[in-house]
Amino acid sequence: MIKKYIRFNEVNNPGKKTRIFEVINLSGDYILGFIHWYTAWRQYIFEPLENTVYSAGCLEDIIKELK
């Protein structure tokens, strides 16, 4: 599925069982945050970088990636 606002780039995570993804803005090609495994909740989460903002469409893309 083509994302409208962002793309996801898997980060090399040697020796680990879980995957990490950079969340990258398509218009500026800069990193917005990371999707990674959060052990306390036993699920993948999105961890945004400081001073980033998100439209509803961008958040929908992130939610779809988390599912």
N, C-alpha and C. Protein backbone atom coordinates (compact mmCIF):
# COMPACT_ATOMS: atom_id res chain seq x y z
N MET A 1 0.84 -1.19 0.00
CA MET A 1 0.00 0.00 0.00
C MET A 1 0.89 1.25 0.00
N ILE A 2 0.58 2.17 -0.88
CA ILE A 2 1.34 3.41 -0.99
C ILE A 2 0.88 4.38 0.09
N LYS A 3 1.82 4.90 0.83
CA LYS A 3 1.51 5.88 1.88
C LYS A 3 1.48 7.26 1.27
N LYS A 4 0.59 8.09 1.78
CA LYS A 4 0.38 9.41 1.23
C LYS A 4 1.36 10.45 1.80
N TYR A 5 1.72 10.31 3.06
CA TYR A 5 2.49 11.35 3.75
C TYR A 5 3.85 10.91 4.27
N ILE A 6 4.00 9.62 4.54
CA ILE A 6 5.23 9.14 5.16
C ILE A 6 5.66 7.81 4.54
N ARG A 7 6.92 7.46 4.82
CA ARG A 7 7.41 6.13 4.44
C ARG A 7 8.10 5.52 5.65
N PHE A 8 8.27 4.22 5.59
CA PHE A 8 8.87 3.48 6.70
C PHE A 8 10.12 2.79 6.19
N ASN A 9 11.21 2.98 6.91
CA ASN A 9 12.49 2.42 6.52
C ASN A 9 12.99 1.54 7.66
N GLU A 10 13.15 0.24 7.40
CA GLU A 10 13.63 -0.65 8.46
C GLU A 10 15.09 -0.36 8.77
N VAL A 11 15.39 -0.28 10.05
CA VAL A 11 16.73 0.01 10.55
C VAL A 11 17.42 -1.32 10.88
N ASN A 12 18.68 -1.41 10.56
CA ASN A 12 19.44 -2.60 10.89
C ASN A 12 19.48 -2.76 12.41
N ASN A 13 19.10 -3.93 12.90
CA ASN A 13 19.02 -4.19 14.34
C ASN A 13 19.67 -5.54 14.64
N PRO A 14 20.99 -5.66 14.45
CA PRO A 14 21.67 -6.95 14.57
C PRO A 14 21.55 -7.55 15.98
N GLY A 15 21.30 -8.84 15.99
CA GLY A 15 21.24 -9.57 17.26
C GLY A 15 19.94 -9.40 18.02
N LYS A 16 18.97 -8.70 17.48
CA LYS A 16 17.69 -8.47 18.17
C LYS A 16 16.58 -9.23 17.45
N LYS A 17 15.55 -9.62 18.22
CA LYS A 17 14.42 -10.35 17.65
C LYS A 17 13.39 -9.41 17.03
N THR A 18 13.31 -8.19 17.52
CA THR A 18 12.28 -7.27 17.05
C THR A 18 12.83 -6.32 16.00
N ARG A 19 11.92 -5.73 15.25
CA ARG A 19 12.29 -4.83 14.15
C ARG A 19 12.13 -3.38 14.59
N ILE A 20 12.89 -2.49 13.96
CA ILE A 20 12.80 -1.05 14.20
C ILE A 20 12.64 -0.38 12.84
N PHE A 21 11.72 0.60 12.79
CA PHE A 21 11.47 1.33 11.56
C PHE A 21 11.58 2.83 11.80
N GLU A 22 12.28 3.51 10.91
CA GLU A 22 12.24 4.97 10.90
C GLU A 22 10.94 5.39 10.23
N VAL A 23 10.32 6.43 10.75
CA VAL A 23 9.14 7.02 10.13
C VAL A 23 9.62 8.31 9.49
N ILE A 24 9.52 8.39 8.16
CA ILE A 24 10.14 9.48 7.41
C ILE A 24 9.08 10.27 6.63
N ASN A 25 9.15 11.58 6.73
CA ASN A 25 8.25 12.47 6.01
C ASN A 25 8.59 12.44 4.53
N LEU A 26 7.57 12.29 3.68
CA LEU A 26 7.81 12.22 2.23
C LEU A 26 8.16 13.58 1.63
N SER A 27 7.57 14.64 2.14
CA SER A 27 7.81 15.95 1.51
C SER A 27 9.17 16.54 1.88
N GLY A 28 9.67 16.28 3.06
CA GLY A 28 10.94 16.84 3.47
C GLY A 28 12.04 15.81 3.62
N ASP A 29 11.66 14.51 3.55
CA ASP A 29 12.59 13.40 3.70
C ASP A 29 13.38 13.47 5.01
N TYR A 30 12.70 13.81 6.10
CA TYR A 30 13.36 13.82 7.41
C TYR A 30 12.66 12.86 8.36
N ILE A 31 13.37 12.40 9.35
CA ILE A 31 12.86 11.41 10.30
C ILE A 31 11.91 12.09 11.29
N LEU A 32 10.73 11.51 11.43
CA LEU A 32 9.73 12.00 12.38
C LEU A 32 9.77 11.24 13.70
N GLY A 33 10.20 10.00 13.66
CA GLY A 33 10.24 9.16 14.86
C GLY A 33 10.54 7.73 14.48
N PHE A 34 10.24 6.82 15.40
CA PHE A 34 10.56 5.41 15.21
C PHE A 34 9.40 4.53 15.67
N ILE A 35 9.22 3.43 14.96
CA ILE A 35 8.33 2.37 15.42
C ILE A 35 9.23 1.26 15.93
N HIS A 36 8.99 0.85 17.17
CA HIS A 36 9.81 -0.20 17.77
C HIS A 36 9.01 -0.94 18.83
N TRP A 37 9.55 -2.08 19.26
CA TRP A 37 8.91 -2.91 20.27
C TRP A 37 9.05 -2.25 21.64
N TYR A 38 7.93 -2.15 22.35
CA TYR A 38 7.93 -1.59 23.70
C TYR A 38 7.61 -2.73 24.67
N THR A 39 8.62 -3.19 25.35
CA THR A 39 8.52 -4.39 26.18
C THR A 39 7.44 -4.26 27.26
N ALA A 40 7.34 -3.11 27.91
CA ALA A 40 6.37 -2.94 28.99
C ALA A 40 4.94 -3.20 28.54
N TRP A 41 4.63 -2.86 27.29
CA TRP A 41 3.26 -3.05 26.76
C TRP A 41 3.16 -4.27 25.87
N ARG A 42 4.30 -4.90 25.58
CA ARG A 42 4.39 -6.07 24.71
C ARG A 42 3.71 -5.84 23.36
N GLN A 43 4.07 -4.71 22.75
CA GLN A 43 3.57 -4.38 21.43
C GLN A 43 4.45 -3.31 20.78
N TYR A 44 4.28 -3.15 19.48
CA TYR A 44 5.01 -2.09 18.78
C TYR A 44 4.34 -0.75 19.06
N ILE A 45 5.16 0.29 19.16
CA ILE A 45 4.67 1.64 19.42
C ILE A 45 5.36 2.62 18.46
N PHE A 46 4.77 3.78 18.32
CA PHE A 46 5.41 4.87 17.59
C PHE A 46 5.95 5.84 18.61
N GLU A 47 7.24 6.14 18.52
CA GLU A 47 7.89 7.11 19.41
C GLU A 47 8.33 8.31 18.57
N PRO A 48 7.58 9.42 18.63
CA PRO A 48 7.92 10.59 17.81
C PRO A 48 9.14 11.33 18.34
N LEU A 49 9.85 11.97 17.44
CA LEU A 49 10.94 12.84 17.85
C LEU A 49 10.36 14.15 18.36
N GLU A 50 11.15 14.88 19.12
CA GLU A 50 10.73 16.17 19.67
C GLU A 50 10.40 17.16 18.56
N ASN A 51 9.44 18.03 18.83
CA ASN A 51 9.06 19.11 17.92
C ASN A 51 8.58 18.64 16.55
N THR A 52 7.87 17.52 16.52
CA THR A 52 7.26 17.06 15.29
C THR A 52 5.74 17.16 15.44
N VAL A 53 5.05 17.43 14.34
CA VAL A 53 3.60 17.54 14.35
C VAL A 53 3.02 16.61 13.29
N TYR A 54 1.76 16.20 13.46
CA TYR A 54 1.16 15.18 12.61
C TYR A 54 -0.26 15.56 12.22
N SER A 55 -0.56 15.38 10.94
CA SER A 55 -1.93 15.55 10.47
C SER A 55 -2.67 14.23 10.71
N ALA A 56 -3.98 14.27 10.54
CA ALA A 56 -4.79 13.06 10.68
C ALA A 56 -4.35 12.00 9.66
N GLY A 57 -4.07 12.42 8.42
CA GLY A 57 -3.64 11.49 7.39
C GLY A 57 -2.32 10.81 7.73
N CYS A 58 -1.40 11.56 8.26
CA CYS A 58 -0.10 11.01 8.66
C CYS A 58 -0.29 9.99 9.79
N LEU A 59 -1.12 10.34 10.75
CA LEU A 59 -1.37 9.42 11.87
C LEU A 59 -2.07 8.15 11.39
N GLU A 60 -2.95 8.26 10.41
CA GLU A 60 -3.60 7.08 9.85
C GLU A 60 -2.58 6.14 9.22
N ASP A 61 -1.60 6.68 8.50
CA ASP A 61 -0.54 5.86 7.92
C ASP A 61 0.25 5.13 9.01
N ILE A 62 0.55 5.83 10.09
CA ILE A 62 1.31 5.22 11.19
C ILE A 62 0.48 4.12 11.86
N ILE A 63 -0.79 4.39 12.10
CA ILE A 63 -1.67 3.38 12.71
C ILE A 63 -1.74 2.13 11.85
N LYS A 64 -1.88 2.28 10.55
CA LYS A 64 -1.94 1.13 9.65
C LYS A 64 -0.66 0.32 9.71
N GLU A 65 0.47 0.99 9.84
CA GLU A 65 1.76 0.29 9.93
C GLU A 65 1.89 -0.47 11.25
N LEU A 66 1.31 0.05 12.31
CA LEU A 66 1.39 -0.60 13.61
C LEU A 66 0.53 -1.86 13.70
N LYS A 67 -0.49 -1.96 12.88
CA LYS A 67 -1.42 -3.11 12.95
C LYS A 67 -0.87 -4.35 12.33
